[in-house]
Amino acid sequence: MDQDYLDVESGKIGEIIPNSSDLWYVSPYRALWTSGGGAQPITPVSGKPTAKSCEADLKKRTYDQIAMADMKAGGWACALTVEGNIVGIQIRSIPPIGDEKAPLPLFYTVWQQ
């Protein structure tokens, strides 16, 4: 099973860093979680977000994860980081079903609050 953690403010990828890791991808489940097993909100959004639109979307819809089955390559999501910042996340490509070693390529922008 492949699990990768990302601290979006520092760009560190790999093992979990308590009170710092913001996103967690678990390949067998093909889902992107927020830290703490979904303690922070995350939601898919339509189109490239801004800080203001992310903040508004996170107030309307708060999930603990987004399933790759519900996303398309190039699709966007917004999340709240452990530090209270907002992050816009673009899913560059969707990992294939059954490939537990396939990476989840992301592009993201962090808006400091």
N, C-alpha and C. Protein backbone atom coordinates (compact mmCIF):
# COMPACT_ATOMS: atom_id res chain seq x y z
N MET A 1 0.85 -1.17 0.00
CA MET A 1 0.00 0.00 0.00
C MET A 1 0.90 1.23 0.00
N ASP A 2 0.58 2.19 -0.86
CA ASP A 2 1.35 3.42 -0.94
C ASP A 2 0.57 4.55 -0.29
N GLN A 3 1.21 5.23 0.65
CA GLN A 3 0.60 6.37 1.32
C GLN A 3 1.60 7.51 1.28
N ASP A 4 1.16 8.64 0.81
CA ASP A 4 2.04 9.80 0.75
C ASP A 4 1.37 10.98 1.43
N TYR A 5 2.16 11.72 2.18
CA TYR A 5 1.70 12.90 2.89
C TYR A 5 2.37 14.12 2.28
N LEU A 6 1.67 15.24 2.30
CA LEU A 6 2.21 16.49 1.75
C LEU A 6 1.91 17.63 2.70
N ASP A 7 2.95 18.36 3.06
CA ASP A 7 2.79 19.62 3.77
C ASP A 7 2.86 20.70 2.70
N VAL A 8 1.74 21.31 2.37
CA VAL A 8 1.70 22.23 1.24
C VAL A 8 2.48 23.52 1.48
N GLU A 9 2.58 23.96 2.72
CA GLU A 9 3.33 25.19 2.99
C GLU A 9 4.83 25.02 2.76
N SER A 10 5.37 23.87 3.13
CA SER A 10 6.82 23.65 2.96
C SER A 10 7.15 22.86 1.70
N GLY A 11 6.16 22.16 1.15
CA GLY A 11 6.40 21.32 -0.03
C GLY A 11 6.98 19.96 0.30
N LYS A 12 7.07 19.62 1.59
CA LYS A 12 7.64 18.33 1.99
C LYS A 12 6.66 17.20 1.70
N ILE A 13 7.18 16.14 1.06
CA ILE A 13 6.40 14.96 0.72
C ILE A 13 7.02 13.77 1.41
N GLY A 14 6.20 12.84 1.86
CA GLY A 14 6.73 11.60 2.43
C GLY A 14 5.98 11.19 3.67
N GLU A 15 6.72 11.03 4.75
CA GLU A 15 6.13 10.57 6.01
C GLU A 15 5.32 11.69 6.66
N ILE A 16 4.38 11.29 7.50
CA ILE A 16 3.53 12.27 8.17
C ILE A 16 4.37 13.12 9.13
N ILE A 17 4.06 14.38 9.14
CA ILE A 17 4.68 15.32 10.08
C ILE A 17 3.53 15.85 10.93
N PRO A 18 3.42 15.44 12.20
CA PRO A 18 2.30 15.88 13.04
C PRO A 18 2.15 17.40 13.05
N ASN A 19 0.91 17.85 12.98
CA ASN A 19 0.55 19.27 12.99
C ASN A 19 1.15 20.04 11.82
N SER A 20 1.50 19.34 10.75
CA SER A 20 2.08 20.01 9.59
C SER A 20 1.59 19.41 8.27
N SER A 21 1.49 18.08 8.19
CA SER A 21 1.06 17.44 6.94
C SER A 21 -0.40 17.80 6.66
N ASP A 22 -0.66 18.22 5.43
CA ASP A 22 -1.99 18.72 5.07
C ASP A 22 -2.81 17.76 4.23
N LEU A 23 -2.18 17.06 3.31
CA LEU A 23 -2.89 16.17 2.40
C LEU A 23 -2.30 14.77 2.50
N TRP A 24 -3.16 13.78 2.31
CA TRP A 24 -2.77 12.38 2.47
C TRP A 24 -3.41 11.59 1.35
N TYR A 25 -2.59 10.95 0.50
CA TYR A 25 -3.11 10.13 -0.59
C TYR A 25 -2.85 8.67 -0.29
N VAL A 26 -3.92 7.87 -0.25
CA VAL A 26 -3.82 6.44 -0.02
C VAL A 26 -4.22 5.75 -1.31
N SER A 27 -3.24 5.16 -1.99
CA SER A 27 -3.48 4.65 -3.34
C SER A 27 -4.53 3.55 -3.46
N PRO A 28 -4.60 2.55 -2.56
CA PRO A 28 -5.62 1.52 -2.77
C PRO A 28 -7.05 2.07 -2.75
N TYR A 29 -7.28 3.11 -1.96
CA TYR A 29 -8.61 3.70 -1.87
C TYR A 29 -8.84 4.78 -2.91
N ARG A 30 -7.74 5.21 -3.57
CA ARG A 30 -7.81 6.24 -4.61
C ARG A 30 -8.56 7.47 -4.10
N ALA A 31 -8.16 7.93 -2.92
CA ALA A 31 -8.80 9.10 -2.30
C ALA A 31 -7.73 10.03 -1.74
N LEU A 32 -8.02 11.33 -1.83
CA LEU A 32 -7.16 12.36 -1.25
C LEU A 32 -7.84 12.87 0.00
N TRP A 33 -7.21 12.67 1.13
CA TRP A 33 -7.74 13.07 2.44
C TRP A 33 -7.01 14.32 2.93
N THR A 34 -7.64 15.00 3.86
CA THR A 34 -6.93 16.05 4.58
C THR A 34 -6.29 15.41 5.81
N SER A 35 -5.48 16.17 6.52
CA SER A 35 -4.73 15.62 7.65
C SER A 35 -5.64 15.05 8.73
N GLY A 36 -5.05 14.19 9.53
CA GLY A 36 -5.79 13.61 10.64
C GLY A 36 -6.95 12.74 10.21
N GLY A 37 -6.82 12.10 9.04
CA GLY A 37 -7.89 11.24 8.54
C GLY A 37 -9.13 12.02 8.15
N GLY A 38 -8.93 13.23 7.66
CA GLY A 38 -10.05 14.04 7.20
C GLY A 38 -10.53 15.07 8.20
N ALA A 39 -9.64 15.49 9.10
CA ALA A 39 -10.02 16.47 10.12
C ALA A 39 -10.29 17.86 9.55
N GLN A 40 -9.64 18.19 8.44
CA GLN A 40 -9.85 19.49 7.79
C GLN A 40 -10.77 19.33 6.59
N PRO A 41 -11.51 20.36 6.23
CA PRO A 41 -12.41 20.24 5.08
C PRO A 41 -11.68 20.25 3.74
N ILE A 42 -12.26 19.53 2.79
CA ILE A 42 -11.80 19.49 1.40
C ILE A 42 -13.04 19.36 0.52
N THR A 43 -13.03 19.97 -0.65
CA THR A 43 -14.19 19.86 -1.54
C THR A 43 -13.77 20.05 -2.99
N PRO A 44 -14.38 19.29 -3.90
CA PRO A 44 -14.14 19.54 -5.33
C PRO A 44 -14.78 20.87 -5.72
N VAL A 45 -14.19 21.56 -6.68
CA VAL A 45 -14.74 22.83 -7.16
C VAL A 45 -14.71 22.83 -8.69
N SER A 46 -15.53 23.69 -9.27
CA SER A 46 -15.54 23.77 -10.73
C SER A 46 -14.63 24.91 -11.17
N GLY A 47 -13.65 24.60 -11.98
CA GLY A 47 -12.75 25.63 -12.49
C GLY A 47 -11.64 25.99 -11.53
N LYS A 48 -10.68 26.76 -12.04
CA LYS A 48 -9.53 27.19 -11.24
C LYS A 48 -10.01 28.16 -10.16
N PRO A 49 -9.76 27.84 -8.89
CA PRO A 49 -10.28 28.68 -7.81
C PRO A 49 -9.37 29.87 -7.48
N THR A 50 -9.95 30.80 -6.75
CA THR A 50 -9.22 31.90 -6.13
C THR A 50 -9.30 31.67 -4.62
N ALA A 51 -8.57 32.43 -3.86
CA ALA A 51 -8.64 32.31 -2.40
C ALA A 51 -10.07 32.55 -1.93
N LYS A 52 -10.70 33.56 -2.49
CA LYS A 52 -12.06 33.91 -2.09
C LYS A 52 -13.07 32.82 -2.46
N SER A 53 -12.95 32.27 -3.68
CA SER A 53 -13.90 31.24 -4.10
C SER A 53 -13.68 29.94 -3.31
N CYS A 54 -12.42 29.62 -3.01
CA CYS A 54 -12.13 28.44 -2.19
C CYS A 54 -12.77 28.58 -0.81
N GLU A 55 -12.57 29.74 -0.21
CA GLU A 55 -13.13 29.98 1.12
C GLU A 55 -14.64 29.83 1.10
N ALA A 56 -15.29 30.38 0.08
CA ALA A 56 -16.75 30.28 -0.02
C ALA A 56 -17.19 28.83 -0.24
N ASP A 57 -16.50 28.10 -1.12
CA ASP A 57 -16.86 26.71 -1.38
C ASP A 57 -16.65 25.83 -0.15
N LEU A 58 -15.61 26.09 0.63
CA LEU A 58 -15.37 25.31 1.83
C LEU A 58 -16.42 25.57 2.91
N LYS A 59 -17.06 26.73 2.87
CA LYS A 59 -18.15 27.02 3.81
C LYS A 59 -19.44 26.31 3.40
N LYS A 60 -19.60 26.08 2.09
CA LYS A 60 -20.82 25.43 1.58
C LYS A 60 -20.75 23.91 1.67
N ARG A 61 -19.59 23.36 1.35
CA ARG A 61 -19.44 21.90 1.26
C ARG A 61 -18.14 21.50 1.93
N THR A 62 -18.23 20.72 2.97
CA THR A 62 -17.01 20.26 3.63
C THR A 62 -17.03 18.74 3.71
N TYR A 63 -16.09 18.13 3.04
CA TYR A 63 -15.92 16.68 3.07
C TYR A 63 -14.59 16.37 3.73
N ASP A 64 -14.38 15.10 4.09
CA ASP A 64 -13.10 14.73 4.68
C ASP A 64 -12.14 14.16 3.64
N GLN A 65 -12.66 13.89 2.43
CA GLN A 65 -11.84 13.33 1.36
C GLN A 65 -12.49 13.59 0.01
N ILE A 66 -11.70 13.45 -1.04
CA ILE A 66 -12.27 13.45 -2.39
C ILE A 66 -11.79 12.18 -3.08
N ALA A 67 -12.73 11.48 -3.68
CA ALA A 67 -12.43 10.22 -4.38
C ALA A 67 -11.97 10.53 -5.79
N MET A 68 -10.93 9.84 -6.23
CA MET A 68 -10.44 10.05 -7.60
C MET A 68 -11.48 9.63 -8.63
N ALA A 69 -12.37 8.71 -8.26
CA ALA A 69 -13.44 8.29 -9.17
C ALA A 69 -14.38 9.45 -9.49
N ASP A 70 -14.44 10.44 -8.60
CA ASP A 70 -15.32 11.60 -8.79
C ASP A 70 -14.61 12.78 -9.45
N MET A 71 -13.31 12.64 -9.69
CA MET A 71 -12.52 13.73 -10.26
C MET A 71 -12.13 13.42 -11.70
N LYS A 72 -11.77 14.46 -12.44
CA LYS A 72 -11.24 14.32 -13.79
C LYS A 72 -9.84 14.92 -13.82
N ALA A 73 -9.01 14.44 -14.73
CA ALA A 73 -7.69 15.04 -14.90
C ALA A 73 -7.86 16.52 -15.20
N GLY A 74 -7.14 17.35 -14.48
CA GLY A 74 -7.25 18.80 -14.64
C GLY A 74 -8.27 19.42 -13.70
N GLY A 75 -9.01 18.58 -12.96
CA GLY A 75 -10.03 19.09 -12.03
C GLY A 75 -9.39 19.71 -10.79
N TRP A 76 -10.18 20.52 -10.10
CA TRP A 76 -9.70 21.27 -8.94
C TRP A 76 -10.46 20.92 -7.67
N ALA A 77 -9.79 21.14 -6.54
CA ALA A 77 -10.39 21.00 -5.22
C ALA A 77 -9.81 22.09 -4.34
N CYS A 78 -10.49 22.37 -3.25
CA CYS A 78 -10.00 23.33 -2.26
C CYS A 78 -9.98 22.63 -0.90
N ALA A 79 -9.02 23.02 -0.06
CA ALA A 79 -8.92 22.43 1.27
C ALA A 79 -8.39 23.47 2.25
N LEU A 80 -8.61 23.18 3.52
CA LEU A 80 -8.06 23.99 4.59
C LEU A 80 -6.85 23.24 5.15
N THR A 81 -5.74 23.95 5.35
CA THR A 81 -4.54 23.29 5.87
C THR A 81 -4.57 23.26 7.40
N VAL A 82 -3.66 22.47 7.97
CA VAL A 82 -3.54 22.37 9.42
C VAL A 82 -3.25 23.74 10.02
N GLU A 83 -2.48 24.56 9.28
CA GLU A 83 -2.10 25.89 9.77
C GLU A 83 -3.20 26.93 9.57
N GLY A 84 -4.33 26.53 8.96
CA GLY A 84 -5.44 27.46 8.75
C GLY A 84 -5.38 28.21 7.44
N ASN A 85 -4.48 27.82 6.54
CA ASN A 85 -4.42 28.44 5.22
C ASN A 85 -5.34 27.71 4.26
N ILE A 86 -5.58 28.30 3.12
CA ILE A 86 -6.43 27.71 2.09
C ILE A 86 -5.53 27.26 0.95
N VAL A 87 -5.84 26.08 0.40
CA VAL A 87 -5.06 25.56 -0.72
C VAL A 87 -5.99 25.17 -1.86
N GLY A 88 -5.64 25.61 -3.07
CA GLY A 88 -6.31 25.17 -4.28
C GLY A 88 -5.47 24.07 -4.90
N ILE A 89 -6.07 22.93 -5.19
CA ILE A 89 -5.35 21.74 -5.64
C ILE A 89 -5.86 21.32 -7.01
N GLN A 90 -4.96 21.20 -7.98
CA GLN A 90 -5.35 20.67 -9.28
C GLN A 90 -4.84 19.23 -9.38
N ILE A 91 -5.74 18.32 -9.74
CA ILE A 91 -5.39 16.92 -9.97
C ILE A 91 -4.92 16.83 -11.42
N ARG A 92 -3.63 16.67 -11.64
CA ARG A 92 -3.06 16.69 -13.00
C ARG A 92 -3.46 15.47 -13.82
N SER A 93 -3.45 14.30 -13.19
CA SER A 93 -3.92 13.08 -13.86
C SER A 93 -4.44 12.12 -12.79
N ILE A 94 -5.33 11.24 -13.20
CA ILE A 94 -5.95 10.30 -12.28
C ILE A 94 -5.17 8.97 -12.34
N PRO A 95 -4.71 8.49 -11.20
CA PRO A 95 -3.99 7.21 -11.19
C PRO A 95 -4.90 6.07 -11.66
N PRO A 96 -4.35 5.12 -12.40
CA PRO A 96 -5.16 4.01 -12.89
C PRO A 96 -5.62 3.09 -11.75
N ILE A 97 -6.80 2.53 -11.91
CA ILE A 97 -7.33 1.58 -10.94
C ILE A 97 -6.42 0.36 -10.90
N GLY A 98 -6.10 -0.09 -9.70
CA GLY A 98 -5.30 -1.29 -9.53
C GLY A 98 -3.81 -1.07 -9.44
N ASP A 99 -3.33 0.12 -9.78
CA ASP A 99 -1.89 0.39 -9.71
C ASP A 99 -1.60 1.12 -8.40
N GLU A 100 -1.24 0.36 -7.38
CA GLU A 100 -1.02 0.94 -6.05
C GLU A 100 0.26 1.75 -5.95
N LYS A 101 1.10 1.71 -6.95
CA LYS A 101 2.35 2.48 -6.94
C LYS A 101 2.25 3.74 -7.81
N ALA A 102 1.12 3.92 -8.48
CA ALA A 102 0.97 5.09 -9.36
C ALA A 102 0.90 6.36 -8.53
N PRO A 103 1.64 7.39 -8.91
CA PRO A 103 1.60 8.65 -8.17
C PRO A 103 0.32 9.43 -8.47
N LEU A 104 0.03 10.38 -7.61
CA LEU A 104 -1.08 11.32 -7.83
C LEU A 104 -0.44 12.68 -8.10
N PRO A 105 -0.25 13.03 -9.38
CA PRO A 105 0.38 14.32 -9.70
C PRO A 105 -0.55 15.49 -9.37
N LEU A 106 -0.02 16.44 -8.60
CA LEU A 106 -0.79 17.61 -8.17
C LEU A 106 -0.07 18.90 -8.55
N PHE A 107 -0.87 19.95 -8.71
CA PHE A 107 -0.38 21.33 -8.76
C PHE A 107 -1.20 22.03 -7.69
N TYR A 108 -0.59 22.91 -6.93
CA TYR A 108 -1.38 23.58 -5.89
C TYR A 108 -0.88 24.99 -5.63
N THR A 109 -1.78 25.80 -5.10
CA THR A 109 -1.48 27.16 -4.67
C THR A 109 -1.97 27.32 -3.25
N VAL A 110 -1.12 27.86 -2.38
CA VAL A 110 -1.49 28.10 -0.99
C VAL A 110 -1.72 29.60 -0.79
N TRP A 111 -2.84 29.93 -0.18
CA TRP A 111 -3.13 31.32 0.18
C TRP A 111 -3.00 31.44 1.69
N GLN A 112 -2.01 32.21 2.13
CA GLN A 112 -1.78 32.43 3.56
C GLN A 112 -2.92 33.27 4.13
N GLN A 113 -3.43 32.85 5.26
CA GLN A 113 -4.54 33.57 5.90
C GLN A 113 -4.04 34.40 7.07
